[in-house]
Amino acid sequence: MLEKSYAIELAVDEDTGKVVGFIQAISDGVLSAYIPLLEVVPEYKGRGIGTALVQRIFERLRDLYMIDLLCDPELQTFYEKQGMSKASGMVIRHYQNQSGTVVG
């Protein structure tokens, strides 16, 4: 999933060497980027890992015109603290495919 990304940033636990968080961006490399995923392992939440990952990906995408993402309402405050603005959008969700496996 991450191999085909335009950019990714990883958070690694220095003691275990395990990836404990990541953020992914897909982009045309010219004008726009979309961030579909920011994930932090539950035991590591509340340590600033998500904030650091957002800051790192924003730095990598700084030359693009727009960086978009969609999130649930309870996450909007987090992204506002990162300098993003609320917007509206439209989506289709095929929850049966959420694991990445196509059903059918």
PDB file of N, CA and C in Angstrom:
ATOM      1  N   MET A   1       0.821  -1.187   0.000  1.00  0.00           N
ATOM      2  CA  MET A   1       0.000   0.000   0.000  1.00  0.00           C
ATOM      3  C   MET A   1       0.872   1.262   0.000  1.00  0.00           C
ATOM      4  N   LEU A   2       1.901   1.274   0.814  1.00  0.00           N
ATOM      5  CA  LEU A   2       2.743   2.467   0.905  1.00  0.00           C
ATOM      6  C   LEU A   2       3.731   2.582  -0.244  1.00  0.00           C
ATOM      7  N   GLU A   3       4.074   1.475  -0.879  1.00  0.00           N
ATOM      8  CA  GLU A   3       5.061   1.493  -1.959  1.00  0.00           C
ATOM      9  C   GLU A   3       4.673   2.420  -3.107  1.00  0.00           C
ATOM     10  N   LYS A   4       3.400   2.524  -3.402  1.00  0.00           N
ATOM     11  CA  LYS A   4       2.934   3.327  -4.535  1.00  0.00           C
ATOM     12  C   LYS A   4       2.662   4.781  -4.156  1.00  0.00           C
ATOM     13  N   SER A   5       2.948   5.147  -2.940  1.00  0.00           N
ATOM     14  CA  SER A   5       2.693   6.506  -2.461  1.00  0.00           C
ATOM     15  C   SER A   5       3.664   7.499  -3.073  1.00  0.00           C
ATOM     16  N   TYR A   6       3.244   8.748  -3.126  1.00  0.00           N
ATOM     17  CA  TYR A   6       4.119   9.837  -3.540  1.00  0.00           C
ATOM     18  C   TYR A   6       5.142  10.105  -2.445  1.00  0.00           C
ATOM     19  N   ALA A   7       4.658  10.106  -1.200  1.00  0.00           N
ATOM     20  CA  ALA A   7       5.543  10.344  -0.055  1.00  0.00           C
ATOM     21  C   ALA A   7       4.975   9.629   1.160  1.00  0.00           C
ATOM     22  N   ILE A   8       5.862   9.107   1.982  1.00  0.00           N
ATOM     23  CA  ILE A   8       5.465   8.541   3.272  1.00  0.00           C
ATOM     24  C   ILE A   8       6.465   8.988   4.322  1.00  0.00           C
ATOM     25  N   GLU A   9       6.009   9.039   5.534  1.00  0.00           N
ATOM     26  CA  GLU A   9       6.871   9.272   6.689  1.00  0.00           C
ATOM     27  C   GLU A   9       6.538   8.192   7.703  1.00  0.00           C
ATOM     28  N   LEU A  10       7.551   7.645   8.325  1.00  0.00           N
ATOM     29  CA  LEU A  10       7.384   6.592   9.315  1.00  0.00           C
ATOM     30  C   LEU A  10       7.844   7.066  10.682  1.00  0.00           C
ATOM     31  N   ALA A  11       7.177   6.562  11.708  1.00  0.00           N
ATOM     32  CA  ALA A  11       7.642   6.732  13.082  1.00  0.00           C
ATOM     33  C   ALA A  11       8.088   5.361  13.564  1.00  0.00           C
ATOM     34  N   VAL A  12       9.316   5.278  14.047  1.00  0.00           N
ATOM     35  CA  VAL A  12       9.890   4.000  14.459  1.00  0.00           C
ATOM     36  C   VAL A  12      10.285   4.072  15.929  1.00  0.00           C
ATOM     37  N   ASP A  13       9.894   3.067  16.682  1.00  0.00           N
ATOM     38  CA  ASP A  13      10.303   2.964  18.083  1.00  0.00           C
ATOM     39  C   ASP A  13      11.782   2.606  18.093  1.00  0.00           C
ATOM     40  N   GLU A  14      12.600   3.496  18.623  1.00  0.00           N
ATOM     41  CA  GLU A  14      14.055   3.288  18.606  1.00  0.00           C
ATOM     42  C   GLU A  14      14.484   2.072  19.418  1.00  0.00           C
ATOM     43  N   ASP A  15      13.708   1.716  20.431  1.00  0.00           N
ATOM     44  CA  ASP A  15      14.070   0.564  21.269  1.00  0.00           C
ATOM     45  C   ASP A  15      13.785  -0.770  20.583  1.00  0.00           C
ATOM     46  N   THR A  16      12.668  -0.840  19.860  1.00  0.00           N
ATOM     47  CA  THR A  16      12.264  -2.119  19.258  1.00  0.00           C
ATOM     48  C   THR A  16      12.522  -2.185  17.755  1.00  0.00           C
ATOM     49  N   GLY A  17      12.668  -1.020  17.112  1.00  0.00           N
ATOM     50  CA  GLY A  17      12.826  -0.984  15.667  1.00  0.00           C
ATOM     51  C   GLY A  17      11.518  -1.164  14.917  1.00  0.00           C
ATOM     52  N   LYS A  18      10.400  -1.209  15.621  1.00  0.00           N
ATOM     53  CA  LYS A  18       9.103  -1.408  14.994  1.00  0.00           C
ATOM     54  C   LYS A  18       8.499  -0.083  14.548  1.00  0.00           C
ATOM     55  N   VAL A  19       7.812  -0.129  13.414  1.00  0.00           N
ATOM     56  CA  VAL A  19       7.071   1.035  12.935  1.00  0.00           C
ATOM     57  C   VAL A  19       5.849   1.195  13.839  1.00  0.00           C
ATOM     58  N   VAL A  20       5.693   2.394  14.412  1.00  0.00           N
ATOM     59  CA  VAL A  20       4.575   2.658  15.320  1.00  0.00           C
ATOM     60  C   VAL A  20       3.622   3.704  14.761  1.00  0.00           C
ATOM     61  N   GLY A  21       3.936   4.241  13.586  1.00  0.00           N
ATOM     62  CA  GLY A  21       3.051   5.203  12.955  1.00  0.00           C
ATOM     63  C   GLY A  21       3.534   5.508  11.553  1.00  0.00           C
ATOM     64  N   PHE A  22       2.600   5.996  10.736  1.00  0.00           N
ATOM     65  CA  PHE A  22       2.968   6.424   9.388  1.00  0.00           C
ATOM     66  C   PHE A  22       1.939   7.410   8.873  1.00  0.00           C
ATOM     67  N   ILE A  23       2.367   8.183   7.885  1.00  0.00           N
ATOM     68  CA  ILE A  23       1.478   9.058   7.137  1.00  0.00           C
ATOM     69  C   ILE A  23       1.813   8.876   5.665  1.00  0.00           C
ATOM     70  N   GLN A  24       0.796   8.944   4.845  1.00  0.00           N
ATOM     71  CA  GLN A  24       0.933   8.675   3.415  1.00  0.00           C
ATOM     72  C   GLN A  24       0.364   9.841   2.625  1.00  0.00           C
ATOM     73  N   ALA A  25       1.019  10.207   1.535  1.00  0.00           N
ATOM     74  CA  ALA A  25       0.499  11.219   0.605  1.00  0.00           C
ATOM     75  C   ALA A  25       0.526  10.651  -0.804  1.00  0.00           C
ATOM     76  N   ILE A  26      -0.537  10.915  -1.537  1.00  0.00           N
ATOM     77  CA  ILE A  26      -0.561  10.620  -2.963  1.00  0.00           C
ATOM     78  C   ILE A  26      -0.648  11.964  -3.678  1.00  0.00           C
ATOM     79  N   SER A  27      -0.003  12.072  -4.826  1.00  0.00           N
ATOM     80  CA  SER A  27       0.103  13.377  -5.469  1.00  0.00           C
ATOM     81  C   SER A  27       0.395  13.236  -6.951  1.00  0.00           C
ATOM     82  N   ASP A  28       0.080  14.311  -7.671  1.00  0.00           N
ATOM     83  CA  ASP A  28       0.509  14.403  -9.063  1.00  0.00           C
ATOM     84  C   ASP A  28       1.930  14.950  -9.146  1.00  0.00           C
ATOM     85  N   GLY A  29       2.466  15.394  -8.023  1.00  0.00           N
ATOM     86  CA  GLY A  29       3.828  15.913  -7.978  1.00  0.00           C
ATOM     87  C   GLY A  29       3.973  17.310  -8.546  1.00  0.00           C
ATOM     88  N   VAL A  30       2.865  17.933  -8.923  1.00  0.00           N
ATOM     89  CA  VAL A  30       2.897  19.245  -9.547  1.00  0.00           C
ATOM     90  C   VAL A  30       2.053  20.251  -8.776  1.00  0.00           C
ATOM     91  N   LEU A  31       0.792  19.899  -8.527  1.00  0.00           N
ATOM     92  CA  LEU A  31      -0.164  20.851  -7.984  1.00  0.00           C
ATOM     93  C   LEU A  31      -0.799  20.413  -6.671  1.00  0.00           C
ATOM     94  N   SER A  32      -1.142  19.148  -6.567  1.00  0.00           N
ATOM     95  CA  SER A  32      -1.970  18.732  -5.440  1.00  0.00           C
ATOM     96  C   SER A  32      -1.493  17.440  -4.798  1.00  0.00           C
ATOM     97  N   ALA A  33      -1.847  17.324  -3.514  1.00  0.00           N
ATOM     98  CA  ALA A  33      -1.583  16.093  -2.768  1.00  0.00           C
ATOM     99  C   ALA A  33      -2.798  15.790  -1.912  1.00  0.00           C
ATOM    100  N   TYR A  34      -2.993  14.526  -1.668  1.00  0.00           N
ATOM    101  CA  TYR A  34      -4.064  14.056  -0.807  1.00  0.00           C
ATOM    102  C   TYR A  34      -3.452  13.128   0.229  1.00  0.00           C
ATOM    103  N   ILE A  35      -3.836  13.311   1.471  1.00  0.00           N
ATOM    104  CA  ILE A  35      -3.351  12.469   2.559  1.00  0.00           C
ATOM    105  C   ILE A  35      -4.473  11.522   2.958  1.00  0.00           C
ATOM    106  N   PRO A  36      -4.393  10.258   2.520  1.00  0.00           N
ATOM    107  CA  PRO A  36      -5.458   9.319   2.859  1.00  0.00           C
ATOM    108  C   PRO A  36      -5.312   8.698   4.241  1.00  0.00           C
ATOM    109  N   LEU A  37      -4.089   8.585   4.732  1.00  0.00           N
ATOM    110  CA  LEU A  37      -3.883   7.864   5.984  1.00  0.00           C
ATOM    111  C   LEU A  37      -2.847   8.511   6.891  1.00  0.00           C
ATOM    112  N   LEU A  38      -3.203   8.654   8.140  1.00  0.00           N
ATOM    113  CA  LEU A  38      -2.289   8.928   9.242  1.00  0.00           C
ATOM    114  C   LEU A  38      -2.667   7.913  10.307  1.00  0.00           C
ATOM    115  N   GLU A  39      -1.752   7.056  10.653  1.00  0.00           N
ATOM    116  CA  GLU A  39      -2.027   6.000  11.621  1.00  0.00           C
ATOM    117  C   GLU A  39      -0.920   5.946  12.667  1.00  0.00           C
ATOM    118  N   VAL A  40      -1.332   5.807  13.919  1.00  0.00           N
ATOM    119  CA  VAL A  40      -0.398   5.613  15.027  1.00  0.00           C
ATOM    120  C   VAL A  40      -0.915   4.433  15.840  1.00  0.00           C
ATOM    121  N   VAL A  41      -0.028   3.511  16.177  1.00  0.00           N
ATOM    122  CA  VAL A  41      -0.393   2.350  16.988  1.00  0.00           C
ATOM    123  C   VAL A  41      -1.016   2.863  18.293  1.00  0.00           C
ATOM    124  N   PRO A  42      -2.158   2.291  18.697  1.00  0.00           N
ATOM    125  CA  PRO A  42      -2.872   2.821  19.868  1.00  0.00           C
ATOM    126  C   PRO A  42      -2.013   3.033  21.117  1.00  0.00           C
ATOM    127  N   GLU A  43      -1.120   2.117  21.417  1.00  0.00           N
ATOM    128  CA  GLU A  43      -0.277   2.269  22.620  1.00  0.00           C
ATOM    129  C   GLU A  43       0.662   3.468  22.558  1.00  0.00           C
ATOM    130  N   TYR A  44       0.862   4.017  21.365  1.00  0.00           N
ATOM    131  CA  TYR A  44       1.793   5.127  21.179  1.00  0.00           C
ATOM    132  C   TYR A  44       1.088   6.472  21.006  1.00  0.00           C
ATOM    133  N   LYS A  45      -0.230   6.462  21.014  1.00  0.00           N
ATOM    134  CA  LYS A  45      -0.978   7.722  20.852  1.00  0.00           C
ATOM    135  C   LYS A  45      -0.777   8.606  22.066  1.00  0.00           C
ATOM    136  N   GLY A  46      -0.871   9.917  21.845  1.00  0.00           N
ATOM    137  CA  GLY A  46      -0.704  10.876  22.931  1.00  0.00           C
ATOM    138  C   GLY A  46       0.738  11.260  23.200  1.00  0.00           C
ATOM    139  N   ARG A  47       1.641  10.860  22.334  1.00  0.00           N
ATOM    140  CA  ARG A  47       3.075  11.153  22.503  1.00  0.00           C
ATOM    141  C   ARG A  47       3.604  12.154  21.482  1.00  0.00           C
ATOM    142  N   GLY A  48       2.696  12.725  20.675  1.00  0.00           N
ATOM    143  CA  GLY A  48       3.120  13.698  19.665  1.00  0.00           C
ATOM    144  C   GLY A  48       3.574  13.078  18.359  1.00  0.00           C
ATOM    145  N   ILE A  49       3.408  11.790  18.215  1.00  0.00           N
ATOM    146  CA  ILE A  49       3.861  11.104  17.003  1.00  0.00           C
ATOM    147  C   ILE A  49       3.063  11.561  15.794  1.00  0.00           C
ATOM    148  N   GLY A  50       1.742  11.619  15.920  1.00  0.00           N
ATOM    149  CA  GLY A  50       0.899  12.070  14.806  1.00  0.00           C
ATOM    150  C   GLY A  50       1.248  13.473  14.374  1.00  0.00           C
ATOM    151  N   THR A  51       1.437  14.359  15.339  1.00  0.00           N
ATOM    152  CA  THR A  51       1.811  15.745  15.030  1.00  0.00           C
ATOM    153  C   THR A  51       3.136  15.793  14.291  1.00  0.00           C
ATOM    154  N   ALA A  52       4.115  15.038  14.747  1.00  0.00           N
ATOM    155  CA  ALA A  52       5.427  15.020  14.093  1.00  0.00           C
ATOM    156  C   ALA A  52       5.317  14.484  12.670  1.00  0.00           C
ATOM    157  N   LEU A  53       4.526  13.446  12.469  1.00  0.00           N
ATOM    158  CA  LEU A  53       4.364  12.891  11.130  1.00  0.00           C
ATOM    159  C   LEU A  53       3.707  13.891  10.191  1.00  0.00           C
ATOM    160  N   VAL A  54       2.671  14.585  10.675  1.00  0.00           N
ATOM    161  CA  VAL A  54       2.010  15.609   9.855  1.00  0.00           C
ATOM    162  C   VAL A  54       3.001  16.708   9.492  1.00  0.00           C
ATOM    163  N   GLN A  55       3.761  17.186  10.455  1.00  0.00           N
ATOM    164  CA  GLN A  55       4.728  18.252  10.184  1.00  0.00           C
ATOM    165  C   GLN A  55       5.759  17.813   9.151  1.00  0.00           C
ATOM    166  N   ARG A  56       6.223  16.580   9.266  1.00  0.00           N
ATOM    167  CA  ARG A  56       7.222  16.076   8.314  1.00  0.00           C
ATOM    168  C   ARG A  56       6.659  15.946   6.905  1.00  0.00           C
ATOM    169  N   ILE A  57       5.422  15.443   6.774  1.00  0.00           N
ATOM    170  CA  ILE A  57       4.853  15.297   5.425  1.00  0.00           C
ATOM    171  C   ILE A  57       4.529  16.667   4.845  1.00  0.00           C
ATOM    172  N   PHE A  58       4.043  17.603   5.668  1.00  0.00           N
ATOM    173  CA  PHE A  58       3.776  18.956   5.181  1.00  0.00           C
ATOM    174  C   PHE A  58       5.058  19.603   4.668  1.00  0.00           C
ATOM    175  N   GLU A  59       6.155  19.380   5.323  1.00  0.00           N
ATOM    176  CA  GLU A  59       7.430  19.926   4.866  1.00  0.00           C
ATOM    177  C   GLU A  59       7.796  19.346   3.499  1.00  0.00           C
ATOM    178  N   ARG A  60       7.580  18.086   3.314  1.00  0.00           N
ATOM    179  CA  ARG A  60       7.888  17.456   2.017  1.00  0.00           C
ATOM    180  C   ARG A  60       6.966  17.938   0.908  1.00  0.00           C
ATOM    181  N   LEU A  61       5.747  18.351   1.256  1.00  0.00           N
ATOM    182  CA  LEU A  61       4.759  18.772   0.262  1.00  0.00           C
ATOM    183  C   LEU A  61       4.671  20.288   0.122  1.00  0.00           C
ATOM    184  N   ARG A  62       5.546  21.012   0.752  1.00  0.00           N
ATOM    185  CA  ARG A  62       5.444  22.477   0.852  1.00  0.00           C
ATOM    186  C   ARG A  62       5.430  23.211  -0.491  1.00  0.00           C
ATOM    187  N   ASP A  63       5.949  22.621  -1.545  1.00  0.00           N
ATOM    188  CA  ASP A  63       5.983  23.293  -2.844  1.00  0.00           C
ATOM    189  C   ASP A  63       4.717  23.090  -3.669  1.00  0.00           C
ATOM    190  N   LEU A  64       3.795  22.284  -3.170  1.00  0.00           N
ATOM    191  CA  LEU A  64       2.544  22.040  -3.889  1.00  0.00           C
ATOM    192  C   LEU A  64       1.508  23.100  -3.515  1.00  0.00           C
ATOM    193  N   TYR A  65       0.587  23.339  -4.403  1.00  0.00           N
ATOM    194  CA  TYR A  65      -0.479  24.319  -4.177  1.00  0.00           C
ATOM    195  C   TYR A  65      -1.447  23.875  -3.092  1.00  0.00           C
ATOM    196  N   MET A  66      -1.886  22.616  -3.143  1.00  0.00           N
ATOM    197  CA  MET A  66      -2.907  22.195  -2.201  1.00  0.00           C
ATOM    198  C   MET A  66      -2.607  20.833  -1.609  1.00  0.00           C
ATOM    199  N   ILE A  67      -2.949  20.726  -0.331  1.00  0.00           N
ATOM    200  CA  ILE A  67      -2.847  19.473   0.405  1.00  0.00           C
ATOM    201  C   ILE A  67      -4.223  19.251   1.024  1.00  0.00           C
ATOM    202  N   ASP A  68      -4.865  18.179   0.639  1.00  0.00           N
ATOM    203  CA  ASP A  68      -6.212  17.886   1.109  1.00  0.00           C
ATOM    204  C   ASP A  68      -6.242  16.581   1.883  1.00  0.00           C
ATOM    205  N   LEU A  69      -7.201  16.487   2.782  1.00  0.00           N
ATOM    206  CA  LEU A  69      -7.518  15.223   3.433  1.00  0.00           C
ATOM    207  C   LEU A  69      -8.949  15.289   3.927  1.00  0.00           C
ATOM    208  N   LEU A  70      -9.527  14.151   4.129  1.00  0.00           N
ATOM    209  CA  LEU A  70     -10.846  14.048   4.733  1.00  0.00           C
ATOM    210  C   LEU A  70     -10.678  13.344   6.069  1.00  0.00           C
ATOM    211  N   CYS A  71     -11.437  13.795   7.063  1.00  0.00           N
ATOM    212  CA  CYS A  71     -11.374  13.137   8.362  1.00  0.00           C
ATOM    213  C   CYS A  71     -12.728  13.236   9.043  1.00  0.00           C
ATOM    214  N   ASP A  72     -12.918  12.404  10.029  1.00  0.00           N
ATOM    215  CA  ASP A  72     -14.133  12.447  10.818  1.00  0.00           C
ATOM    216  C   ASP A  72     -14.141  13.723  11.661  1.00  0.00           C
ATOM    217  N   PRO A  73     -15.342  14.220  12.004  1.00  0.00           N
ATOM    218  CA  PRO A  73     -15.450  15.480  12.748  1.00  0.00           C
ATOM    219  C   PRO A  73     -14.618  15.521  14.030  1.00  0.00           C
ATOM    220  N   GLU A  74     -14.508  14.420  14.733  1.00  0.00           N
ATOM    221  CA  GLU A  74     -13.758  14.427  15.990  1.00  0.00           C
ATOM    222  C   GLU A  74     -12.248  14.611  15.784  1.00  0.00           C
ATOM    223  N   LEU A  75     -11.773  14.491  14.555  1.00  0.00           N
ATOM    224  CA  LEU A  75     -10.353  14.693  14.268  1.00  0.00           C
ATOM    225  C   LEU A  75     -10.047  16.082  13.706  1.00  0.00           C
ATOM    226  N   GLN A  76     -11.064  16.858  13.401  1.00  0.00           N
ATOM    227  CA  GLN A  76     -10.850  18.166  12.777  1.00  0.00           C
ATOM    228  C   GLN A  76     -10.024  19.102  13.655  1.00  0.00           C
ATOM    229  N   THR A  77     -10.245  19.088  14.952  1.00  0.00           N
ATOM    230  CA  THR A  77      -9.472  19.956  15.848  1.00  0.00           C
ATOM    231  C   THR A  77      -7.986  19.642  15.760  1.00  0.00           C
ATOM    232  N   PHE A  78      -7.644  18.352  15.693  1.00  0.00           N
ATOM    233  CA  PHE A  78      -6.237  17.962  15.551  1.00  0.00           C
ATOM    234  C   PHE A  78      -5.628  18.586  14.307  1.00  0.00           C
ATOM    235  N   TYR A  79      -6.319  18.471  13.179  1.00  0.00           N
ATOM    236  CA  TYR A  79      -5.770  18.996  11.930  1.00  0.00           C
ATOM    237  C   TYR A  79      -5.789  20.524  11.880  1.00  0.00           C
ATOM    238  N   GLU A  80      -6.736  21.144  12.533  1.00  0.00           N
ATOM    239  CA  GLU A  80      -6.715  22.612  12.633  1.00  0.00           C
ATOM    240  C   GLU A  80      -5.466  23.073  13.378  1.00  0.00           C
ATOM    241  N   LYS A  81      -5.069  22.346  14.403  1.00  0.00           N
ATOM    242  CA  LYS A  81      -3.839  22.672  15.146  1.00  0.00           C
ATOM    243  C   LYS A  81      -2.596  22.529  14.266  1.00  0.00           C
ATOM    244  N   GLN A  82      -2.714  21.758  13.190  1.00  0.00           N
ATOM    245  CA  GLN A  82      -1.595  21.578  12.261  1.00  0.00           C
ATOM    246  C   GLN A  82      -1.605  22.631  11.155  1.00  0.00           C
ATOM    247  N   GLY A  83      -2.584  23.549  11.202  1.00  0.00           N
ATOM    248  CA  GLY A  83      -2.638  24.632  10.222  1.00  0.00           C
ATOM    249  C   GLY A  83      -3.627  24.409   9.090  1.00  0.00           C
ATOM    250  N   MET A  84      -4.422  23.354   9.170  1.00  0.00           N
ATOM    251  CA  MET A  84      -5.394  23.087   8.120  1.00  0.00           C
ATOM    252  C   MET A  84      -6.713  23.801   8.431  1.00  0.00           C
ATOM    253  N   SER A  85      -7.538  23.969   7.397  1.00  0.00           N
ATOM    254  CA  SER A  85      -8.840  24.607   7.530  1.00  0.00           C
ATOM    255  C   SER A  85      -9.941  23.606   7.214  1.00  0.00           C
ATOM    256  N   LYS A  86     -11.073  23.764   7.894  1.00  0.00           N
ATOM    257  CA  LYS A  86     -12.224  22.909   7.604  1.00  0.00           C
ATOM    258  C   LYS A  86     -12.725  23.184   6.200  1.00  0.00           C
ATOM    259  N   ALA A  87     -13.187  22.138   5.542  1.00  0.00           N
ATOM    260  CA  ALA A  87     -13.789  22.228   4.215  1.00  0.00           C
ATOM    261  C   ALA A  87     -14.864  21.154   4.148  1.00  0.00           C
ATOM    262  N   SER A  88     -15.581  21.136   3.085  1.00  0.00           N
ATOM    263  CA  SER A  88     -16.565  20.070   2.923  1.00  0.00           C
ATOM    264  C   SER A  88     -16.186  19.228   1.719  1.00  0.00           C
ATOM    265  N   GLY A  89     -16.706  18.034   1.688  1.00  0.00           N
ATOM    266  CA  GLY A  89     -16.393  17.146   0.582  1.00  0.00           C
ATOM    267  C   GLY A  89     -17.445  16.069   0.471  1.00  0.00           C
ATOM    268  N   MET A  90     -17.270  15.242  -0.500  1.00  0.00           N
ATOM    269  CA  MET A  90     -18.176  14.133  -0.753  1.00  0.00           C
ATOM    270  C   MET A  90     -17.351  12.859  -0.841  1.00  0.00           C
ATOM    271  N   VAL A  91     -17.927  11.753  -0.381  1.00  0.00           N
ATOM    272  CA  VAL A  91     -17.196  10.489  -0.380  1.00  0.00           C
ATOM    273  C   VAL A  91     -18.124   9.330  -0.706  1.00  0.00           C
ATOM    274  N   ILE A  92     -17.526   8.246  -1.127  1.00  0.00           N
ATOM    275  CA  ILE A  92     -18.174   6.940  -1.193  1.00  0.00           C
ATOM    276  C   ILE A  92     -17.303   6.019  -0.342  1.00  0.00           C
ATOM    277  N   ARG A  93     -17.919   5.253   0.510  1.00  0.00           N
ATOM    278  CA  ARG A  93     -17.187   4.296   1.334  1.00  0.00           C
ATOM    279  C   ARG A  93     -17.758   2.901   1.099  1.00  0.00           C
ATOM    280  N   HIS A  94     -16.896   1.988   0.695  1.00  0.00           N
ATOM    281  CA  HIS A  94     -17.244   0.575   0.564  1.00  0.00           C
ATOM    282  C   HIS A  94     -16.604  -0.124   1.764  1.00  0.00           C
ATOM    283  N   TYR A  95     -17.283  -0.077   2.892  1.00  0.00           N
ATOM    284  CA  TYR A  95     -16.700  -0.571   4.146  1.00  0.00           C
ATOM    285  C   TYR A  95     -16.322  -2.055   4.075  1.00  0.00           C
ATOM    286  N   GLN A  96     -16.976  -2.806   3.240  1.00  0.00           N
ATOM    287  CA  GLN A  96     -16.617  -4.218   3.109  1.00  0.00           C
ATOM    288  C   GLN A  96     -15.218  -4.394   2.514  1.00  0.00           C
ATOM    289  N   ASN A  97     -14.668  -3.344   1.899  1.00  0.00           N
ATOM    290  CA  ASN A  97     -13.333  -3.399   1.307  1.00  0.00           C
ATOM    291  C   ASN A  97     -12.272  -2.718   2.173  1.00  0.00           C
ATOM    292  N   GLN A  98     -12.626  -2.345   3.393  1.00  0.00           N
ATOM    293  CA  GLN A  98     -11.736  -1.558   4.233  1.00  0.00           C
ATOM    294  C   GLN A  98     -10.416  -2.267   4.537  1.00  0.00           C
ATOM    295  N   SER A  99     -10.399  -3.585   4.537  1.00  0.00           N
ATOM    296  CA  SER A  99      -9.173  -4.328   4.835  1.00  0.00           C
ATOM    297  C   SER A  99      -8.191  -4.296   3.670  1.00  0.00           C
ATOM    298  N   GLY A 100      -8.637  -3.782   2.521  1.00  0.00           N
ATOM    299  CA  GLY A 100      -7.781  -3.758   1.338  1.00  0.00           C
ATOM    300  C   GLY A 100      -8.009  -4.944   0.432  1.00  0.00           C
ATOM    301  N   THR A 101      -8.866  -5.854   0.837  1.00  0.00           N
ATOM    302  CA  THR A 101      -9.209  -7.015   0.041  1.00  0.00           C
ATOM    303  C   THR A 101     -10.533  -6.769  -0.657  1.00  0.00           C
ATOM    304  N   VAL A 102     -10.555  -6.933  -1.948  1.00  0.00           N
ATOM    305  CA  VAL A 102     -11.782  -6.749  -2.712  1.00  0.00           C
ATOM    306  C   VAL A 102     -12.682  -7.951  -2.491  1.00  0.00           C
ATOM    307  N   VAL A 103     -13.905  -7.668  -2.097  1.00  0.00           N
ATOM    308  CA  VAL A 103     -14.884  -8.729  -1.863  1.00  0.00           C
ATOM    309  C   VAL A 103     -15.704  -8.912  -3.130  1.00  0.00           C
ATOM    310  N   GLY A 104     -15.943 -10.152  -3.534  1.00  0.00           N
ATOM    311  CA  GLY A 104     -16.817 -10.349  -4.669  1.00  0.00           C
ATOM    312  C   GLY A 104     -16.344 -11.260  -5.681  1.00  0.00           C
TER     313      GLY A 104
END
